Amino acid sequence: MNLKIEYGDGYININCEHPVDVRGMAGNPEAIALSGGIIDALENPINSPSLLEIGKQKIATNTDALAVIVVSDNTRPVPYRGEHGIMRYIIRTLLEAGFTQPQITIIIGAGSHRNMEANEIEVMLGLQESGLGEVKVTNHEYDNDDHLIYLGTTSRGSEVTVNRQYYEANLKIVTGLVESHFMAGASGGRKGICPGIVGIKTLKIFHGAKFLSSAKAADLVLEGNPLNDESLEVAQMAGCDFLVNTTLDADKRMTGVYTGDLVEAHQAAVQKIREYVVVPLEQHYDIVIIPAGFVGINHYQAGKAAIEAARAVKPGGQIIIIAKNTDTDPVGGKGYKQSLKLLAKHGKEEFLRMISDPQWEMIQEQWQVQMWSKVLTRIEQEDNLIYCALEIPDVEYEHLPGVPGWRLIDATDWQTLTDEQKIIRMTEAAIQRAIGSSNVSESSILLLKDGPYGIPEVAK
C-alpha cells in the first residue's frame, strides 16, 4: 500500500507491504464563503449586539476607550491572516466604530507556552501586510505578576489572576479555534481566557492531577467536565464582550465563524464539530499510526496525537507518531522536561501518585506528562511507542517516552538523504519494527489520517 501521511504543512508517501485501514473524520462539512461569511458573522452574532454596535457604544461612552483582542499562539491553526482570515475584519470593524489603531491591542493568549517572536507574530497575524502595523501586540506572561490582576477565587478554590491589560480594557474580544480537546472537551470559547491569559496560580487546580484524572476530562465532553466548568467560571469572572470562534475541516478550510455571546456562540461551534470530527471504528487495532498534525510543533504538543491513538489501539498494542517539530525547542518547556525526567525516573504509577499528593507543588506543564502516562498505561510497554521526528537531539531522548524512530535506521547513506527521505525511511522502518515485534501473526494496522483532530470512537 501507499500511505499518504500529513507531515508539517505537506505530506509524505509511505510504502507498506501490509494492509492498512485508513480512517478519517466521518463528516465532510462545506467550507463557508470567504470573506462574506466572516463579515456576516460579525454583523449577525449569536445572542449579542454586533461588534460594530458594541464598539460604537464603547466609544460614545469614552472616546479614549481601549480594545483588546485575545488570540491563540501559533500552536493552533486559527485563520487569522490575510483576506480570508478573521483578524483584518475584526480590526476594521473596530476602526469603523471609532477606535484608532493605537487604541487596539492584541494579546497572545498562550497560557504557559513560550513568548512568540516578532517574525512569528507577523507570519501568524499579517498586520504589516494588511496596513495594520500600528495595532500593538503583546505576549501574555503567565508567570509575570506585573501582567496580572487578582479577581478572587472560584467555587473550586482556584486563585484567579488574569491579564491586567485585558481585564482593564473597555472592550474585550476573545478569538480562537473550536476543535475537540483531549482534556477540556473542546477548545475555543472560555479557553481563550483560561488558560489563555491567566496566571500560574490559576492553573494549579485547572491543570492539576485531580481534574485530569476525571473520566469526564475527555474529547467532546463538556457537561460535567471539571476543566470546562472551571475554565468557564474563570472566564465569566474576567468578562468577555464579544467572542469570535472558527471551525475548520480536516484540510484546514473554514467551516464556520461563531460570534457573540461567550457561552452560546461557543456551544454552537461545538455542536458543529460534533457532526464531523468523530472517526467511527469497528474494532481496536494492534498498531495505530498517527501524524502529530499542525499542532505537533514539539513533543509536548504531539502528546495530543498520542492520546487519540490510544483510543484506537488495543491494550498492549503499538503506536507510531510522525511529527515535524518546528518549534524553537522541539521538546517543550522547562517544566515539561522536568516532569518527563520524573516520569522516566519513577515510572508512571509512582509519578501519578506523586502529583496527586495534596502536598505536591505543581510543576508547570506536568499535565501533559500525566496524559503521556495514560498512553503508556494503554500500550503497557514503553517500547510499544515509536516517535518519528528529525529535530530532537539525541541527548533529549534519554527522558522521552518511547523509542525514537531514527534509532531503527541502519543506513550508511543517511547524511546524503533529504529530510523528506529521512522521515519516510524512518516511518517505514517503524512500521516494519512494529509488525515484527507484534505478538499477533496477522497484525491489524490503522492510519488515523487526520491526526489529533479526528476523534476515534470504537463501536461497542
Protein backbone atom coordinates (compact mmCIF):
# COMPACT_ATOMS: atom_id res chain seq x y z
CA MET A 1 0.00 0.00 0.00
CA ASN A 2 0.99 3.60 -0.48
CA LEU A 3 0.07 5.71 2.55
CA LYS A 4 -0.27 9.49 2.36
CA ILE A 5 0.64 10.88 5.78
CA GLU A 6 0.48 14.50 6.90
CA TYR A 7 3.91 15.92 7.72
CA GLY A 8 4.33 19.58 8.64
CA ASP A 9 2.47 21.65 6.07
CA GLY A 10 2.63 18.89 3.46
CA TYR A 11 2.52 15.12 3.10
CA ILE A 12 4.88 12.17 2.76
CA ASN A 13 4.17 8.94 0.88
CA ILE A 14 4.96 5.72 2.74
CA ASN A 15 5.16 2.23 1.24
CA CYS A 16 3.79 -0.58 3.35
CA GLU A 17 3.57 -4.23 2.27
CA HIS A 18 0.84 -4.98 4.79
CA PRO A 19 -2.81 -3.95 4.54
CA VAL A 20 -3.65 -0.78 6.46
CA ASP A 21 -7.07 0.63 7.29
CA VAL A 22 -7.05 4.36 6.57
CA ARG A 23 -9.72 6.21 8.52
CA GLY A 24 -10.59 9.84 8.98
CA MET A 25 -13.37 12.10 10.14
CA ALA A 26 -16.84 10.81 9.37
CA GLY A 27 -18.29 14.08 8.10
CA ASN A 28 -17.41 16.36 5.21
CA PRO A 29 -18.70 19.83 6.08
CA GLU A 30 -18.94 22.54 3.49
CA ALA A 31 -16.47 25.42 3.68
CA ILE A 32 -18.06 28.82 4.20
CA ALA A 33 -17.89 31.56 1.60
CA LEU A 34 -14.94 33.83 2.31
CA SER A 35 -14.76 36.65 3.19
CA GLY A 36 -18.52 37.16 3.18
CA GLY A 37 -19.05 34.54 5.85
CA ILE A 38 -16.73 36.33 8.27
CA ILE A 39 -18.40 39.71 7.71
CA ASP A 40 -21.86 38.18 8.09
CA ALA A 41 -20.88 36.54 11.40
CA LEU A 42 -19.59 39.83 12.82
CA GLU A 43 -22.78 41.60 11.78
CA ASN A 44 -25.18 38.86 12.94
CA PRO A 45 -23.81 37.34 16.15
CA ILE A 46 -25.44 34.83 18.48
CA ASN A 47 -27.38 36.40 21.37
CA SER A 48 -25.40 39.64 21.20
CA PRO A 49 -25.36 43.05 19.52
CA SER A 50 -22.99 43.22 16.54
CA LEU A 51 -19.33 44.01 17.13
CA LEU A 52 -19.86 47.36 15.38
CA GLU A 53 -22.73 48.27 17.73
CA ILE A 54 -20.72 47.30 20.80
CA GLY A 55 -17.69 49.23 19.56
CA LYS A 56 -19.72 52.39 18.85
CA GLN A 57 -21.29 52.21 22.29
CA LYS A 58 -17.87 51.96 23.98
CA ILE A 59 -16.51 54.94 22.01
CA ALA A 60 -19.65 57.00 22.70
CA THR A 61 -19.07 56.47 26.41
CA ASN A 62 -15.32 57.13 26.23
CA THR A 63 -13.52 58.39 23.12
CA ASP A 64 -10.24 57.10 24.61
CA ALA A 65 -11.62 53.58 25.11
CA LEU A 66 -9.16 50.72 24.72
CA ALA A 67 -9.98 47.46 22.92
CA VAL A 68 -8.16 44.16 23.41
CA ILE A 69 -8.30 41.12 21.17
CA VAL A 70 -7.09 37.83 22.65
CA VAL A 71 -5.60 35.47 20.07
CA SER A 72 -4.19 31.95 20.26
CA ASP A 73 -0.49 31.36 19.68
CA ASN A 74 0.99 29.58 16.67
CA THR A 75 0.31 26.10 18.05
CA ARG A 76 -3.26 26.49 16.74
CA PRO A 77 -4.18 26.83 13.05
CA VAL A 78 -6.57 29.71 13.66
CA PRO A 79 -7.18 31.52 10.33
CA TYR A 80 -6.10 34.98 11.40
CA ARG A 81 -4.06 36.24 8.48
CA GLY A 82 -4.93 37.78 5.14
CA GLU A 83 -8.03 38.37 3.08
CA HIS A 84 -9.56 35.07 4.18
CA GLY A 85 -8.61 35.41 7.83
CA ILE A 86 -10.64 36.88 10.66
CA MET A 87 -8.20 39.46 12.06
CA ARG A 88 -8.41 42.22 9.46
CA TYR A 89 -12.23 42.16 9.63
CA ILE A 90 -12.29 42.39 13.43
CA ILE A 91 -9.88 45.34 13.41
CA ARG A 92 -11.61 47.10 10.51
CA THR A 93 -14.92 46.84 12.40
CA LEU A 94 -13.29 48.47 15.43
CA LEU A 95 -11.87 51.24 13.24
CA GLU A 96 -15.31 51.81 11.75
CA ALA A 97 -16.73 52.05 15.26
CA GLY A 98 -14.31 54.88 16.05
CA PHE A 99 -11.28 53.19 17.58
CA THR A 100 -7.85 54.12 16.24
CA GLN A 101 -5.15 51.54 15.67
CA PRO A 102 -3.15 52.68 18.75
CA GLN A 103 -6.30 52.11 20.86
CA ILE A 104 -6.28 48.42 19.91
CA THR A 105 -4.04 45.78 21.50
CA ILE A 106 -3.74 42.15 20.55
CA ILE A 107 -2.82 39.86 23.44
CA ILE A 108 -1.34 36.47 22.56
CA GLY A 109 -3.09 34.17 24.98
CA ALA A 110 -0.52 31.41 25.04
CA GLY A 111 -1.23 30.12 28.53
CA SER A 112 2.03 28.64 29.81
CA HIS A 113 3.65 28.42 26.37
CA ARG A 114 6.70 30.49 25.49
CA ASN A 115 6.51 34.06 24.15
CA MET A 116 6.22 34.38 20.38
CA GLU A 117 8.91 36.25 18.45
CA ALA A 118 8.12 39.29 16.25
CA ASN A 119 8.62 37.38 12.99
CA GLU A 120 6.35 34.56 14.20
CA ILE A 121 3.67 37.08 15.12
CA GLU A 122 3.74 38.66 11.66
CA VAL A 123 3.52 35.25 9.98
CA MET A 124 0.50 34.39 12.13
CA LEU A 125 -1.37 37.73 12.02
CA GLY A 126 -0.07 39.57 8.94
CA LEU A 127 -0.69 43.02 10.42
CA GLN A 128 2.03 44.77 8.44
CA GLU A 129 0.88 43.40 5.11
CA SER A 130 -2.68 44.44 5.94
CA GLY A 131 -1.70 48.02 6.79
CA LEU A 132 -2.50 47.49 10.47
CA GLY A 133 1.01 47.88 11.83
CA GLU A 134 0.06 50.45 14.48
CA VAL A 135 -2.00 47.89 16.35
CA LYS A 136 0.00 46.82 19.39
CA VAL A 137 0.75 43.14 20.03
CA THR A 138 1.88 41.77 23.39
CA ASN A 139 2.61 38.31 24.76
CA HIS A 140 0.71 37.28 27.88
CA GLU A 141 3.17 36.07 30.52
CA TYR A 142 1.51 33.72 32.97
CA ASP A 143 4.39 33.93 35.47
CA ASN A 144 4.84 37.71 35.42
CA ASP A 145 2.97 39.27 38.34
CA ASP A 146 3.24 42.71 36.73
CA HIS A 147 0.96 41.45 33.93
CA LEU A 148 -1.70 40.07 36.27
CA ILE A 149 -4.60 41.23 38.42
CA TYR A 150 -6.26 39.22 41.20
CA LEU A 151 -10.03 38.64 40.87
CA GLY A 152 -10.82 36.29 43.76
CA THR A 153 -11.36 32.53 43.93
CA THR A 154 -13.56 30.08 42.05
CA SER A 155 -16.06 27.74 43.67
CA ARG A 156 -13.40 25.00 43.41
CA GLY A 157 -10.81 27.07 45.22
CA SER A 158 -8.67 28.37 42.36
CA GLU A 159 -6.95 31.69 42.98
CA VAL A 160 -7.91 33.68 39.88
CA THR A 161 -5.38 36.02 38.33
CA VAL A 162 -5.81 37.22 34.75
CA ASN A 163 -4.04 39.52 32.35
CA ARG A 164 -4.38 43.04 33.77
CA GLN A 165 -4.46 44.77 30.38
CA TYR A 166 -7.32 42.53 29.28
CA TYR A 167 -9.35 42.97 32.45
CA GLU A 168 -8.99 46.77 32.48
CA ALA A 169 -9.81 47.23 28.78
CA ASN A 170 -13.10 48.86 27.77
CA LEU A 171 -13.84 46.33 25.03
CA LYS A 172 -12.83 42.68 25.39
CA ILE A 173 -12.79 40.37 22.38
CA VAL A 174 -11.74 36.72 22.57
CA THR A 175 -10.90 34.67 19.46
CA GLY A 176 -9.90 31.11 18.81
CA LEU A 177 -10.46 27.79 17.10
CA VAL A 178 -13.03 25.26 18.25
CA GLU A 179 -11.76 21.72 17.89
CA SER A 180 -12.00 18.64 20.04
CA HIS A 181 -9.74 18.84 23.09
CA PHE A 182 -8.49 15.76 24.87
CA MET A 183 -8.82 17.31 28.35
CA ALA A 184 -11.30 20.20 28.20
CA GLY A 185 -13.73 18.58 25.75
CA ALA A 186 -13.36 21.32 23.15
CA SER A 187 -11.03 24.25 22.62
CA GLY A 188 -12.15 27.81 21.99
CA GLY A 189 -14.68 29.89 23.89
CA ARG A 190 -13.77 30.16 27.57
CA LYS A 191 -10.35 28.60 26.99
CA GLY A 192 -9.20 31.79 25.28
CA ILE A 193 -9.26 33.28 28.78
CA CYS A 194 -8.50 30.23 30.92
CA PRO A 195 -5.83 29.02 30.41
CA GLY A 196 -5.05 31.58 27.66
CA ILE A 197 -4.48 34.70 29.77
CA VAL A 198 -4.49 33.53 33.39
CA GLY A 199 -1.65 33.36 35.90
CA ILE A 200 0.25 30.35 37.13
CA LYS A 201 -1.75 30.18 40.38
CA THR A 202 -4.99 29.79 38.45
CA LEU A 203 -3.57 26.79 36.60
CA LYS A 204 -2.85 24.81 39.78
CA ILE A 205 -6.34 23.36 40.01
CA PHE A 206 -7.37 23.74 36.37
CA HIS A 207 -4.39 21.68 35.17
CA GLY A 208 -3.97 19.72 38.39
CA ALA A 209 -3.86 15.95 38.64
CA LYS A 210 -7.35 15.63 40.17
CA PHE A 211 -9.16 17.32 37.28
CA LEU A 212 -7.20 15.44 34.64
CA SER A 213 -7.90 12.08 36.25
CA SER A 214 -11.65 12.61 35.80
CA ALA A 215 -13.34 10.35 33.24
CA LYS A 216 -15.22 13.46 32.06
CA ALA A 217 -11.95 15.21 31.11
CA ALA A 218 -12.14 13.87 27.58
CA ASP A 219 -12.77 14.75 23.94
CA LEU A 220 -16.14 16.34 23.13
CA VAL A 221 -17.34 16.13 26.75
CA LEU A 222 -18.44 19.48 28.21
CA GLU A 223 -21.20 18.59 30.67
CA GLY A 224 -19.64 17.52 33.95
CA ASN A 225 -16.11 18.09 32.67
CA PRO A 226 -14.28 19.79 35.57
CA LEU A 227 -11.87 21.59 33.23
CA ASN A 228 -14.74 23.05 31.22
CA ASP A 229 -16.61 24.12 34.34
CA GLU A 230 -13.56 25.74 35.92
CA SER A 231 -12.49 27.46 32.72
CA LEU A 232 -15.95 28.92 32.17
CA GLU A 233 -16.19 30.22 35.74
CA VAL A 234 -12.82 31.98 35.41
CA ALA A 235 -13.78 33.42 32.01
CA GLN A 236 -17.02 34.83 33.36
CA MET A 237 -15.15 36.46 36.23
CA ALA A 238 -12.80 38.13 33.74
CA GLY A 239 -15.58 39.13 31.35
CA CYS A 240 -15.92 38.98 27.58
CA ASP A 241 -17.82 41.45 25.38
CA PHE A 242 -17.60 39.51 22.13
CA LEU A 243 -16.45 36.05 21.06
CA VAL A 244 -15.10 35.18 17.60
CA ASN A 245 -14.54 31.45 17.14
CA THR A 246 -13.92 29.48 13.97
CA THR A 247 -14.22 25.84 12.98
CA LEU A 248 -12.12 24.04 10.34
CA ASP A 249 -12.33 20.81 8.41
CA ALA A 250 -9.55 18.23 8.00
CA ASP A 251 -7.99 20.31 5.21
CA LYS A 252 -7.92 23.45 7.40
CA ARG A 253 -10.73 25.09 5.42
CA MET A 254 -13.01 27.34 7.47
CA THR A 255 -16.39 25.67 8.03
CA GLY A 256 -17.91 28.28 10.31
CA VAL A 257 -17.48 31.55 12.21
CA TYR A 258 -19.35 31.73 15.50
CA THR A 259 -19.58 35.12 17.16
CA GLY A 260 -21.32 36.87 20.01
CA ASP A 261 -22.08 35.51 23.46
CA LEU A 262 -19.18 33.70 25.15
CA VAL A 263 -21.24 30.62 26.06
CA GLU A 264 -23.85 30.36 23.31
CA ALA A 265 -21.55 31.07 20.37
CA HIS A 266 -19.07 28.50 21.68
CA GLN A 267 -21.77 25.89 22.18
CA ALA A 268 -22.95 26.41 18.60
CA ALA A 269 -19.40 25.82 17.35
CA VAL A 270 -19.01 22.67 19.45
CA GLN A 271 -22.28 21.35 18.05
CA LYS A 272 -20.91 21.96 14.57
CA ILE A 273 -17.72 19.94 15.07
CA ARG A 274 -19.61 17.08 16.69
CA GLU A 275 -21.15 16.47 13.27
CA TYR A 276 -17.90 15.54 11.60
CA VAL A 277 -14.81 15.07 13.80
CA VAL A 278 -15.64 11.58 15.07
CA VAL A 279 -13.75 8.69 13.39
CA PRO A 280 -16.03 5.64 13.70
CA LEU A 281 -14.20 2.32 14.11
CA GLU A 282 -15.48 -1.25 14.33
CA GLN A 283 -12.53 -2.52 16.37
CA HIS A 284 -9.35 -1.64 18.24
CA TYR A 285 -6.09 -2.20 16.33
CA ASP A 286 -2.76 -3.88 17.07
CA ILE A 287 -0.84 -0.96 15.52
CA VAL A 288 -2.01 2.64 15.15
CA ILE A 289 -0.13 5.16 13.00
CA ILE A 290 -0.89 8.84 13.51
CA PRO A 291 0.62 12.13 12.33
CA ALA A 292 1.02 14.81 15.00
CA GLY A 293 -0.51 17.32 12.60
CA PHE A 294 -0.29 21.10 12.67
CA VAL A 295 -0.35 21.22 16.45
CA GLY A 296 2.61 18.85 16.82
CA ILE A 297 5.29 21.53 16.69
CA ASN A 298 7.10 19.88 19.60
CA HIS A 299 6.98 16.72 21.70
CA TYR A 300 4.77 18.42 24.27
CA GLN A 301 2.08 19.17 21.68
CA ALA A 302 2.46 15.80 19.94
CA GLY A 303 1.06 14.20 23.07
CA LYS A 304 -2.37 15.12 21.71
CA ALA A 305 -1.87 12.72 18.82
CA ALA A 306 -0.77 10.01 21.24
CA ILE A 307 -3.99 10.36 23.25
CA GLU A 308 -6.15 9.93 20.15
CA ALA A 309 -4.13 6.93 19.01
CA ALA A 310 -4.58 5.38 22.45
CA ARG A 311 -8.35 5.48 21.95
CA ALA A 312 -7.98 3.24 18.90
CA VAL A 313 -5.21 0.83 19.90
CA LYS A 314 -5.66 -2.50 21.67
CA PRO A 315 -4.32 -2.84 25.22
CA GLY A 316 -0.67 -3.72 24.78
CA GLY A 317 -0.75 -2.52 21.18
CA GLN A 318 1.69 -0.21 19.43
CA ILE A 319 1.55 3.46 18.43
CA ILE A 320 3.67 5.21 15.79
CA ILE A 321 3.69 9.03 15.79
CA ILE A 322 5.08 11.05 12.88
CA ALA A 323 5.90 14.65 13.80
CA LYS A 324 7.62 17.65 12.31
CA ASN A 325 8.79 19.55 15.40
CA THR A 326 9.19 23.09 14.09
CA ASP A 327 9.25 24.92 17.44
CA THR A 328 12.43 26.61 18.66
CA ASP A 329 12.55 23.90 21.32
CA PRO A 330 11.43 20.64 19.71
CA VAL A 331 10.78 19.02 23.09
CA GLY A 332 8.89 21.63 25.11
CA GLY A 333 9.19 23.92 28.09
CA LYS A 334 11.33 23.64 31.22
CA GLY A 335 8.54 22.27 33.39
CA TYR A 336 7.62 19.67 30.77
CA LYS A 337 11.20 18.42 30.63
CA GLN A 338 11.39 18.35 34.42
CA SER A 339 8.20 16.29 34.61
CA LEU A 340 9.42 13.89 31.92
CA LYS A 341 12.55 13.25 33.97
CA LEU A 342 10.37 12.38 36.97
CA LEU A 343 8.32 10.01 34.83
CA ALA A 344 11.46 8.32 33.49
CA LYS A 345 12.98 8.03 36.98
CA HIS A 346 9.96 6.83 38.95
CA GLY A 347 7.67 5.16 36.40
CA LYS A 348 4.09 6.09 35.61
CA GLU A 349 2.43 4.67 38.74
CA GLU A 350 4.74 6.49 41.15
CA PHE A 351 4.66 9.66 39.04
CA LEU A 352 0.86 9.76 39.18
CA ARG A 353 0.92 9.09 42.92
CA MET A 354 3.39 11.93 43.45
CA ILE A 355 1.49 14.58 41.52
CA SER A 356 -1.82 13.52 43.13
CA ASP A 357 -0.49 14.14 46.65
CA PRO A 358 -2.25 17.18 48.21
CA GLN A 359 1.16 18.48 49.30
CA TRP A 360 2.61 18.30 45.78
CA GLU A 361 3.83 21.62 44.36
CA MET A 362 2.61 21.56 40.78
CA ILE A 363 5.23 21.74 38.03
CA GLN A 364 4.22 23.76 35.01
CA GLU A 365 3.15 21.51 32.11
CA GLN A 366 3.15 18.35 34.23
CA TRP A 367 -0.38 17.78 32.91
CA GLN A 368 0.91 16.73 29.52
CA VAL A 369 3.16 14.15 31.14
CA GLN A 370 0.13 12.91 33.06
CA MET A 371 -1.56 12.40 29.69
CA TRP A 372 1.50 10.54 28.37
CA SER A 373 1.14 8.29 31.42
CA LYS A 374 -2.37 7.40 30.28
CA VAL A 375 -0.99 6.44 26.88
CA LEU A 376 1.75 4.29 28.43
CA THR A 377 -0.82 2.55 30.60
CA ARG A 378 -2.81 1.65 27.50
CA ILE A 379 0.12 0.26 25.49
CA GLU A 380 1.60 -1.41 28.62
CA GLN A 381 5.23 -1.24 27.48
CA GLU A 382 7.11 1.95 26.69
CA ASP A 383 8.79 0.27 23.71
CA ASN A 384 5.35 -0.01 22.12
CA LEU A 385 5.54 3.70 21.31
CA ILE A 386 7.71 4.87 18.38
CA TYR A 387 8.24 8.59 17.86
CA CYS A 388 9.37 9.55 14.34
CA ALA A 389 10.87 13.04 14.16
CA LEU A 390 14.10 14.54 12.89
CA GLU A 391 14.54 17.58 15.10
CA ILE A 392 15.02 16.29 18.65
CA PRO A 393 18.71 15.96 19.66
CA ASP A 394 19.89 12.53 20.79
CA VAL A 395 20.63 13.72 24.32
CA GLU A 396 16.99 14.75 24.83
CA TYR A 397 15.67 11.22 24.19
CA GLU A 398 17.02 9.94 27.49
CA HIS A 399 13.85 11.06 29.27
CA LEU A 400 11.28 10.94 26.46
CA PRO A 401 8.75 8.09 26.46
CA GLY A 402 9.02 5.56 23.68
CA VAL A 403 11.60 4.67 21.04
CA PRO A 404 12.96 7.36 18.69
CA GLY A 405 12.33 6.35 15.08
CA TRP A 406 15.81 7.21 13.88
CA ARG A 407 17.32 4.52 16.10
CA LEU A 408 15.63 1.95 13.86
CA ILE A 409 17.63 3.15 10.84
CA ASP A 410 20.82 1.42 9.74
CA ALA A 411 21.87 3.46 6.73
CA THR A 412 25.37 4.40 5.66
CA ASP A 413 23.93 6.98 3.29
CA TRP A 414 21.90 8.77 6.00
CA GLN A 415 23.77 12.08 5.69
CA THR A 416 23.15 12.22 1.95
CA LEU A 417 19.38 11.95 2.27
CA THR A 418 16.96 14.88 2.24
CA ASP A 419 14.79 15.45 5.31
CA GLU A 420 11.80 14.05 3.44
CA GLN A 421 13.71 10.90 2.51
CA LYS A 422 14.85 10.53 6.12
CA ILE A 423 11.36 10.77 7.63
CA ILE A 424 10.00 8.38 5.00
CA ARG A 425 12.70 5.81 5.72
CA MET A 426 12.24 6.27 9.45
CA THR A 427 8.47 5.79 9.28
CA GLU A 428 8.73 2.71 7.07
CA ALA A 429 11.27 1.22 9.49
CA ALA A 430 8.95 1.99 12.42
CA ILE A 431 6.06 0.16 10.75
CA GLN A 432 8.25 -2.86 9.99
CA ARG A 433 9.55 -2.90 13.53
CA ALA A 434 6.02 -2.69 14.98
CA ILE A 435 4.82 -5.54 12.77
CA GLY A 436 7.87 -7.64 13.58
CA SER A 437 7.53 -7.20 17.34
CA SER A 438 3.77 -7.75 17.38
CA ASN A 439 2.58 -10.91 19.08
CA VAL A 440 -0.19 -11.23 16.51
CA SER A 441 0.52 -13.22 13.33
CA GLU A 442 -1.78 -11.02 11.23
CA SER A 443 -1.46 -7.59 12.82
CA SER A 444 -4.29 -5.16 12.23
CA ILE A 445 -2.95 -1.72 11.31
CA LEU A 446 -4.77 1.63 11.34
CA LEU A 447 -3.73 5.02 9.97
CA LEU A 448 -5.62 7.90 11.60
CA LYS A 449 -5.08 10.26 8.70
CA ASP A 450 -6.46 13.38 10.39
CA GLY A 451 -4.05 13.14 13.30
CA PRO A 452 -5.18 14.58 16.64
CA TYR A 453 -8.15 16.34 15.01
CA GLY A 454 -10.14 13.16 14.35
CA ILE A 455 -11.61 11.51 17.45
CA PRO A 456 -11.74 7.69 17.24
CA GLU A 457 -14.81 6.01 18.63
CA VAL A 458 -14.92 2.22 18.64
CA ALA A 459 -18.33 0.60 18.31
CA LYS A 460 -19.28 -1.28 21.45
